[in-house]
Amino acid sequence: MTQTIKVGLVAAPGVSKNIATHIQDDLSNELAQHISQDVEWKIEIVADPLTGSAENVTEIFQTISNYQKTNEWQYTIGLTDLPLFKNNKVIAIDVNRDNGASLISVPAYGWRPVKKRIKSSIIGVVEEVNKYQPNKHNAEQSADKDRAQQQTEDKDQSQSSEERLTHQFPLSNLEAHTDFLEDTNSKHRRYFVSSKAKGMIRLLSGMTFANNPLNMVSSISNVLAVAFTTGASAIIFTTLWNLSYLYTEWRLFLMMIVSVLGMMLWIIIAHNLWEPIRHSKDKRITKLYNFTTVSTLTIALIFYYILLFTFFLLASLVVLPPGYLGSSMQLGGSATASTYLNLAWFASSISTVAAAIGAGLNNAELILESTYGYRQKQRYKQIKQQERQREKEEEDVEERGNS
């Protein structure tokens, strides 16, 4: 009878859960290929809000350890979308050497290709746990092996797991350190991004990816519609043509920056997206959340502006014939491509300002869900609701027992 090895993935809701679900089938096959083909690898996924809300890693390790005991998982890996630090260095992987419970910080893996790296890291973590808890999945078979042969295999596995975990990124590697954590009363093998600067850049890009900027694009579709309607009615007037022709590219560029920043400030202020730093328990984390909100909005608004610019360019090409536009602007000939580009550029900036003032968001909830601070609050609320529900069920059981 084939032995079944259960690997549990405790993922934070959202991006981390999606990654776990996406790699579930491939992970079973790759574990069989890299670890052992003599067993059946079963991947089980649990979504837990605490994995994505507890800024103290001790609580996360306690949670995933409880899942490990309850579900009788041989290997347990938590996938969090929270940033992890030690001495200003970004932690990508944290392995508890005593019980094998491990934690992977998804944002530390950057923008792309996250799924491939996470899958490789999980395989490396399983190999790493086997170093500290030898023959965990194959104790009976290993007992009969020659001791020298077993030592050689352990050494090869040690080199394999270390290399797999440290060589994740093309421009910088991870470096491993062993620390004793008093909170968990155990030794941890931690993998840091070797460069502080590169680690922060990768972390910010990963946190921005976790925020899913495309959600914000869909939520500002109503603003896009208002902006295009406002600008479309203005491109038939000669004032807009003449100003777009007179303005230099630098002035048009400056107007674009001002209009996009104005839109960003309006969204942040109108929806209280800025996390107050003064009363924050961890100012560094709060600053990261705010910076990530800005970077997410920036990407979303770049997409918005490109779409709006494309619409105006197509509209001006359809509505305004080159000969008529050139004669009306006294160009001495037909309008050129640069004339249309500048006109669309100018109309996009002007209409963005008007839309930011007068338009509402199509789905404000999507904007809020695309920020770390809001997700944290929602997850804490969900945890408290679960605790109240659990307490109520226990009280009901106790009342029925007394009666």
Protein backbone atom coordinates (compact mmCIF):
# COMPACT_ATOMS: atom_id res chain seq x y z
CA MET A 1 0.00 0.00 0.00
CA THR A 2 1.42 3.38 -1.02
CA GLN A 3 2.20 5.69 1.87
CA THR A 4 0.49 9.11 1.74
CA ILE A 5 2.39 12.22 2.82
CA LYS A 6 0.24 15.25 3.55
CA VAL A 7 1.64 18.74 2.97
CA GLY A 8 -0.47 21.55 4.39
CA LEU A 9 -0.45 25.07 2.98
CA VAL A 10 -1.95 27.66 5.34
CA ALA A 11 -2.46 30.70 3.13
CA ALA A 12 -3.64 34.23 3.73
CA PRO A 13 -6.83 35.08 1.81
CA GLY A 14 -6.29 36.76 -1.55
CA VAL A 15 -3.10 36.48 -3.58
CA SER A 16 -1.44 33.92 -1.28
CA LYS A 17 -4.49 31.64 -1.42
CA ASN A 18 -4.66 32.03 -5.21
CA ILE A 19 -1.00 31.07 -5.57
CA ALA A 20 -1.47 28.00 -3.36
CA THR A 21 -4.47 26.86 -5.39
CA HIS A 22 -2.69 27.44 -8.68
CA ILE A 23 0.39 25.38 -7.79
CA GLN A 24 -1.45 22.60 -5.93
CA ASP A 25 -1.45 19.99 -8.71
CA ASP A 26 2.03 20.73 -10.03
CA LEU A 27 3.46 20.71 -6.51
CA SER A 28 2.42 17.10 -5.91
CA ASN A 29 4.17 15.98 -9.08
CA GLU A 30 7.34 17.96 -8.38
CA LEU A 31 7.57 16.73 -4.79
CA ALA A 32 7.41 13.19 -6.14
CA GLN A 33 10.09 14.03 -8.69
CA HIS A 34 12.51 15.81 -6.33
CA ILE A 35 11.83 14.16 -2.94
CA SER A 36 10.39 10.67 -3.33
CA GLN A 37 8.35 8.80 -5.91
CA ASP A 38 7.63 5.94 -3.50
CA VAL A 39 4.92 7.90 -1.70
CA GLU A 40 1.77 9.78 -2.67
CA TRP A 41 2.03 13.50 -2.02
CA LYS A 42 -1.26 15.10 -1.02
CA ILE A 43 -1.49 18.89 -0.88
CA GLU A 44 -4.13 20.39 1.42
CA ILE A 45 -4.90 24.11 1.49
CA VAL A 46 -6.46 26.14 4.29
CA ALA A 47 -7.16 29.87 4.12
CA ASP A 48 -6.71 31.60 7.47
CA PRO A 49 -7.03 35.38 7.93
CA LEU A 50 -4.53 35.35 10.82
CA THR A 51 -1.76 34.36 8.38
CA GLY A 52 -2.33 37.67 6.64
CA SER A 53 -3.10 39.91 9.59
CA ALA A 54 -0.84 39.03 12.54
CA GLU A 55 2.17 41.31 12.38
CA ASN A 56 3.77 39.19 15.10
CA VAL A 57 5.19 36.03 13.48
CA THR A 58 4.78 34.15 16.76
CA GLU A 59 1.01 34.15 16.31
CA ILE A 60 1.37 32.91 12.74
CA PHE A 61 3.70 30.07 13.77
CA GLN A 62 1.31 29.11 16.55
CA THR A 63 -1.56 29.00 14.06
CA ILE A 64 0.20 26.88 11.46
CA SER A 65 1.54 24.57 14.18
CA ASN A 66 -2.02 24.03 15.43
CA TYR A 67 -3.14 23.17 11.91
CA GLN A 68 -0.23 20.74 11.64
CA LYS A 69 -1.33 18.86 14.77
CA THR A 70 -5.05 18.94 14.00
CA ASN A 71 -4.75 17.74 10.40
CA GLU A 72 -1.78 15.42 11.03
CA TRP A 73 0.26 17.04 8.30
CA GLN A 74 3.83 15.84 7.91
CA TYR A 75 4.86 19.21 6.47
CA THR A 76 3.19 22.57 7.06
CA ILE A 77 4.02 25.80 5.23
CA GLY A 78 2.34 29.14 5.84
CA LEU A 79 2.01 31.59 2.95
CA THR A 80 1.64 35.15 4.20
CA ASP A 81 1.30 38.38 2.24
CA LEU A 82 2.90 40.32 5.10
CA PRO A 83 6.48 41.66 5.00
CA LEU A 84 8.91 40.05 7.46
CA PHE A 85 12.08 41.73 8.74
CA LYS A 86 15.06 41.31 10.97
CA ASN A 87 17.72 44.02 11.35
CA ASN A 88 16.26 45.85 8.33
CA LYS A 89 16.77 42.77 6.16
CA VAL A 90 13.84 41.19 4.34
CA ILE A 91 13.01 37.61 5.38
CA ALA A 92 11.76 35.39 2.56
CA ILE A 93 11.61 32.02 4.35
CA ASP A 94 11.49 31.08 8.04
CA VAL A 95 11.74 27.39 9.06
CA ASN A 96 11.12 26.25 12.64
CA ARG A 97 13.74 23.53 13.10
CA ASP A 98 11.94 21.91 16.04
CA ASN A 99 8.55 21.09 14.52
CA GLY A 100 9.19 21.82 10.83
CA ALA A 101 6.46 24.46 10.59
CA SER A 102 7.60 26.99 8.02
CA LEU A 103 6.60 30.42 6.81
CA ILE A 104 7.07 31.99 3.37
CA SER A 105 6.60 35.73 2.84
CA VAL A 106 5.10 36.01 -0.65
CA PRO A 107 5.89 39.75 -1.15
CA ALA A 108 9.62 39.05 -0.68
CA TYR A 109 9.54 37.20 -4.02
CA GLY A 110 8.77 40.35 -5.99
CA TRP A 111 6.48 40.81 -8.98
CA ARG A 112 7.13 37.86 -11.30
CA PRO A 113 7.40 34.86 -11.58
CA VAL A 114 6.09 34.38 -8.04
CA LYS A 115 4.31 31.04 -8.50
CA LYS A 116 7.37 29.30 -9.92
CA ARG A 117 9.59 30.59 -7.10
CA ILE A 118 7.09 29.74 -4.37
CA LYS A 119 6.75 26.20 -5.71
CA SER A 120 10.53 25.77 -5.78
CA SER A 121 10.79 27.18 -2.25
CA ILE A 122 8.20 24.75 -0.88
CA ILE A 123 10.20 21.85 -2.31
CA GLY A 124 13.33 23.32 -0.73
CA VAL A 125 11.55 23.72 2.63
CA VAL A 126 10.50 20.06 2.59
CA GLU A 127 14.11 19.08 1.88
CA GLU A 128 15.25 21.43 4.65
CA VAL A 129 12.84 19.94 7.19
CA ASN A 130 14.12 16.46 6.30
CA LYS A 131 17.60 17.63 7.36
CA TYR A 132 16.40 18.53 10.86
CA GLN A 133 13.96 15.64 11.15
CA PRO A 134 15.70 12.91 9.13
CA ASN A 135 13.64 10.27 7.39
CA LYS A 136 10.43 11.99 8.42
CA HIS A 137 8.49 10.54 5.53
CA ASN A 138 10.39 7.30 5.12
CA ALA A 139 11.57 6.12 8.53
CA GLU A 140 10.94 2.42 8.11
CA GLN A 141 12.70 2.15 4.77
CA SER A 142 15.62 4.26 5.92
CA ALA A 143 16.27 2.13 9.00
CA ASP A 144 17.66 -0.66 6.87
CA LYS A 145 20.02 1.49 4.85
CA ASP A 146 23.71 1.45 5.29
CA ARG A 147 24.77 4.26 7.64
CA ALA A 148 27.50 5.58 5.33
CA GLN A 149 25.10 5.63 2.42
CA GLN A 150 22.53 7.47 4.55
CA GLN A 151 25.08 10.09 5.59
CA THR A 152 26.02 10.67 1.96
CA GLU A 153 22.36 11.09 1.00
CA ASP A 154 21.78 13.53 3.90
CA LYS A 155 24.80 15.58 2.79
CA ASP A 156 23.58 15.68 -0.80
CA GLN A 157 20.10 16.66 0.37
CA SER A 158 21.56 19.40 2.56
CA GLN A 159 23.43 20.88 -0.38
CA SER A 160 20.36 20.50 -2.60
CA SER A 161 17.95 22.26 -0.25
CA GLU A 162 20.41 25.05 0.59
CA GLU A 163 21.07 25.73 -3.07
CA ARG A 164 17.40 25.54 -4.01
CA LEU A 165 16.38 28.02 -1.31
CA THR A 166 19.23 30.51 -1.69
CA HIS A 167 19.34 30.71 -5.50
CA GLN A 168 15.83 32.00 -6.14
CA PHE A 169 16.53 35.32 -7.82
CA PRO A 170 18.61 36.30 -10.86
CA LEU A 171 20.10 39.52 -9.42
CA SER A 172 20.52 38.62 -5.75
CA ASN A 173 20.55 35.46 -3.66
CA LEU A 174 19.19 34.56 -0.25
CA GLU A 175 21.52 34.07 2.68
CA ALA A 176 20.73 31.68 5.52
CA HIS A 177 21.14 32.25 9.26
CA THR A 178 20.14 30.17 12.26
CA ASP A 179 18.49 32.11 15.11
CA PHE A 180 16.97 31.12 18.42
CA LEU A 181 13.55 32.74 18.88
CA GLU A 182 12.48 33.11 22.48
CA ASP A 183 8.86 33.63 21.42
CA THR A 184 8.67 30.14 19.90
CA ASN A 185 11.38 28.69 22.17
CA SER A 186 13.04 27.01 19.20
CA LYS A 187 15.75 27.45 16.59
CA HIS A 188 14.77 28.88 13.23
CA ARG A 189 16.57 28.70 9.90
CA ARG A 190 15.90 32.02 8.20
CA TYR A 191 16.60 33.04 4.61
CA PHE A 192 17.21 36.75 4.02
CA VAL A 193 17.53 38.70 0.78
CA SER A 194 21.28 39.36 0.74
CA SER A 195 21.04 43.01 -0.33
CA LYS A 196 18.95 45.40 1.79
CA ALA A 197 18.26 47.71 -1.16
CA LYS A 198 17.33 44.91 -3.56
CA GLY A 199 15.32 43.26 -0.82
CA MET A 200 13.22 46.40 -0.28
CA ILE A 201 12.70 46.90 -4.02
CA ARG A 202 11.57 43.31 -4.43
CA LEU A 203 9.40 43.54 -1.31
CA LEU A 204 7.64 46.70 -2.52
CA SER A 205 7.02 45.24 -5.96
CA GLY A 206 5.66 42.07 -4.34
CA MET A 207 3.38 44.02 -2.02
CA THR A 208 2.14 46.06 -4.98
CA PHE A 209 1.42 42.81 -6.85
CA ALA A 210 -0.48 41.55 -3.80
CA ASN A 211 -2.62 44.70 -3.91
CA ASN A 212 -3.67 43.81 -7.49
CA PRO A 213 -3.63 47.21 -9.27
CA LEU A 214 -6.00 45.89 -11.96
CA ASN A 215 -8.75 45.87 -9.31
CA MET A 216 -8.26 49.60 -8.97
CA VAL A 217 -8.41 50.07 -12.75
CA SER A 218 -11.82 48.41 -12.84
CA SER A 219 -13.03 50.53 -9.94
CA ILE A 220 -12.15 53.81 -11.68
CA SER A 221 -13.90 52.87 -14.93
CA ASN A 222 -16.65 55.32 -14.02
CA VAL A 223 -14.07 58.10 -13.72
CA LEU A 224 -12.69 57.07 -17.11
CA ALA A 225 -16.16 57.36 -18.66
CA VAL A 226 -16.74 60.82 -17.17
CA ALA A 227 -13.29 61.99 -18.26
CA PHE A 228 -13.80 60.84 -21.83
CA THR A 229 -17.28 62.36 -22.02
CA THR A 230 -15.95 65.68 -20.72
CA GLY A 231 -12.98 65.76 -23.09
CA ALA A 232 -14.88 64.48 -26.14
CA SER A 233 -17.18 67.48 -26.03
CA ALA A 234 -14.15 69.80 -25.87
CA ILE A 235 -12.05 68.44 -28.76
CA ILE A 236 -14.38 70.03 -31.32
CA PHE A 237 -13.42 73.53 -30.17
CA THR A 238 -10.50 75.41 -31.70
CA THR A 239 -9.26 76.65 -28.30
CA LEU A 240 -8.22 73.13 -27.34
CA TRP A 241 -6.54 72.60 -30.73
CA ASN A 242 -4.55 75.82 -30.56
CA LEU A 243 -3.42 75.34 -26.95
CA SER A 244 -2.28 71.76 -27.62
CA TYR A 245 -0.28 73.05 -30.59
CA LEU A 246 1.27 75.97 -28.68
CA TYR A 247 2.26 73.96 -25.61
CA THR A 248 5.66 72.31 -25.61
CA GLU A 249 6.10 68.62 -24.83
CA TRP A 250 7.57 69.52 -21.44
CA ARG A 251 4.48 71.55 -20.53
CA LEU A 252 2.20 68.75 -21.66
CA PHE A 253 4.25 66.27 -19.64
CA LEU A 254 4.02 68.49 -16.56
CA MET A 255 0.25 68.81 -16.99
CA MET A 256 -0.03 65.03 -17.21
CA ILE A 257 1.95 64.55 -13.97
CA VAL A 258 -0.11 67.18 -12.13
CA SER A 259 -3.41 65.69 -13.31
CA VAL A 260 -2.45 62.13 -12.33
CA LEU A 261 -1.12 63.25 -8.93
CA GLY A 262 -4.31 65.22 -8.39
CA MET A 263 -6.39 62.14 -9.16
CA MET A 264 -4.25 60.07 -6.79
CA LEU A 265 -4.58 62.55 -3.93
CA TRP A 266 -8.33 62.72 -4.45
CA ILE A 267 -8.69 58.92 -4.23
CA ILE A 268 -6.44 58.71 -1.14
CA ILE A 269 -8.19 61.51 0.73
CA ALA A 270 -11.74 60.63 -0.31
CA HIS A 271 -11.37 57.02 0.85
CA ASN A 272 -8.99 57.44 3.80
CA LEU A 273 -6.35 55.21 2.25
CA TRP A 274 -3.46 56.84 4.10
CA GLU A 275 -2.51 55.00 7.30
CA PRO A 276 -1.69 57.42 10.17
CA ILE A 277 1.92 56.90 11.24
CA ARG A 278 1.80 58.85 14.51
CA HIS A 279 -0.24 56.25 16.40
CA SER A 280 1.16 53.21 14.63
CA LYS A 281 2.68 50.36 16.66
CA ASP A 282 5.19 49.66 13.90
CA LYS A 283 6.01 52.81 11.95
CA ARG A 284 8.13 50.94 9.40
CA ILE A 285 5.28 48.61 8.50
CA THR A 286 2.83 51.51 8.27
CA LYS A 287 5.17 53.45 5.98
CA LEU A 288 5.48 50.36 3.80
CA TYR A 289 1.69 50.09 3.60
CA ASN A 290 1.40 53.74 2.56
CA PHE A 291 4.19 53.50 0.01
CA THR A 292 2.59 50.38 -1.44
CA THR A 293 -0.76 52.16 -1.69
CA VAL A 294 0.91 54.95 -3.67
CA SER A 295 2.72 52.51 -5.98
CA THR A 296 -0.47 50.52 -6.56
CA LEU A 297 -2.43 53.68 -7.38
CA THR A 298 0.37 54.86 -9.65
CA ILE A 299 0.22 51.67 -11.75
CA ALA A 300 -3.58 51.78 -11.86
CA LEU A 301 -3.62 55.43 -12.94
CA ILE A 302 -0.96 54.82 -15.60
CA PHE A 303 -3.27 52.20 -17.12
CA TYR A 304 -6.16 54.65 -16.78
CA TYR A 305 -4.26 57.46 -18.51
CA ILE A 306 -3.08 55.22 -21.37
CA LEU A 307 -6.66 54.08 -21.99
CA LEU A 308 -7.98 57.64 -21.89
CA PHE A 309 -5.20 58.87 -24.22
CA THR A 310 -6.00 56.06 -26.69
CA PHE A 311 -9.70 56.90 -26.69
CA PHE A 312 -9.04 60.60 -27.34
CA LEU A 313 -6.54 59.83 -30.10
CA LEU A 314 -9.04 57.57 -31.88
CA ALA A 315 -11.85 60.11 -31.39
CA SER A 316 -9.82 63.01 -32.79
CA LEU A 317 -8.72 60.94 -35.80
CA VAL A 318 -12.36 60.05 -36.56
CA VAL A 319 -13.98 63.43 -35.86
CA LEU A 320 -11.30 65.84 -37.14
CA PRO A 321 -10.07 65.38 -40.75
CA PRO A 322 -6.36 66.27 -41.17
CA GLY A 323 -7.02 68.90 -43.84
CA TYR A 324 -9.72 70.70 -41.90
CA LEU A 325 -7.75 70.60 -38.65
CA GLY A 326 -4.64 71.93 -40.40
CA SER A 327 -6.45 74.81 -42.13
CA SER A 328 -8.34 75.78 -38.95
CA MET A 329 -5.08 75.95 -37.02
CA GLN A 330 -3.36 77.74 -39.93
CA LEU A 331 -0.62 75.13 -40.15
CA GLY A 332 -0.08 75.69 -43.86
CA GLY A 333 -1.11 72.10 -44.62
CA SER A 334 -2.75 69.02 -43.19
CA ALA A 335 -2.39 68.15 -39.50
CA THR A 336 0.46 65.75 -38.75
CA ALA A 337 0.66 62.80 -36.39
CA SER A 338 2.25 64.97 -33.69
CA THR A 339 -0.70 67.35 -33.89
CA TYR A 340 -3.12 64.55 -33.06
CA LEU A 341 -0.85 63.13 -30.36
CA ASN A 342 -0.52 66.51 -28.62
CA LEU A 343 -4.26 67.09 -28.88
CA ALA A 344 -5.05 63.71 -27.26
CA TRP A 345 -2.36 64.33 -24.63
CA PHE A 346 -3.74 67.73 -23.68
CA ALA A 347 -7.37 66.50 -23.65
CA SER A 348 -6.43 63.56 -21.39
CA SER A 349 -4.84 65.80 -18.77
CA ILE A 350 -7.62 68.40 -18.76
CA SER A 351 -10.42 65.85 -18.59
CA THR A 352 -8.63 63.92 -15.80
CA VAL A 353 -8.75 66.99 -13.58
CA ALA A 354 -12.44 67.51 -14.32
CA ALA A 355 -13.30 63.86 -13.76
CA ALA A 356 -11.37 63.67 -10.47
CA ILE A 357 -13.46 66.51 -9.07
CA GLY A 358 -16.87 65.47 -10.34
CA ALA A 359 -16.91 61.70 -10.65
CA GLY A 360 -17.44 58.95 -8.14
CA LEU A 361 -15.81 55.54 -8.16
CA ASN A 362 -17.59 52.66 -9.85
CA ASN A 363 -16.77 50.31 -6.95
CA ALA A 364 -15.12 51.99 -3.98
CA GLU A 365 -14.89 48.65 -2.15
CA LEU A 366 -12.33 47.41 -4.72
CA ILE A 367 -10.14 50.42 -3.99
CA LEU A 368 -10.21 49.65 -0.28
CA GLU A 369 -9.56 45.94 -0.79
CA SER A 370 -6.45 46.85 -2.77
CA THR A 371 -4.72 48.33 0.27
CA TYR A 372 -2.93 46.50 3.06
CA GLY A 373 -4.36 48.57 5.89
CA TYR A 374 -7.97 47.90 4.93
CA ARG A 375 -7.36 44.18 4.42
CA GLN A 376 -5.72 44.02 7.84
CA LYS A 377 -8.75 45.59 9.49
CA GLN A 378 -11.14 43.29 7.65
CA ARG A 379 -9.15 40.20 8.60
CA TYR A 380 -9.00 41.20 12.25
CA LYS A 381 -12.76 41.74 12.13
CA GLN A 382 -13.21 38.30 10.59
CA ILE A 383 -11.02 36.71 13.27
CA LYS A 384 -13.03 38.37 16.04
CA GLN A 385 -16.29 37.18 14.46
CA GLN A 386 -14.93 33.63 14.31
CA GLU A 387 -13.88 33.83 17.97
CA ARG A 388 -17.33 35.09 19.01
CA GLN A 389 -18.97 32.32 17.00
CA ARG A 390 -16.71 29.73 18.63
CA GLU A 391 -17.48 31.07 22.11
CA LYS A 392 -21.20 31.01 21.36
CA GLU A 393 -21.02 27.39 20.20
CA GLU A 394 -19.12 26.42 23.36
CA GLU A 395 -21.73 28.17 25.53
CA ASP A 396 -24.54 26.35 23.68
CA VAL A 397 -22.82 23.01 24.23
CA GLU A 398 -22.33 23.82 27.92
CA GLU A 399 -25.99 24.84 28.33
CA ARG A 400 -27.21 21.64 26.67
CA GLY A 401 -24.91 19.65 29.00
CA ASN A 402 -26.29 21.35 32.10
CA SER A 403 -29.84 20.80 31.00
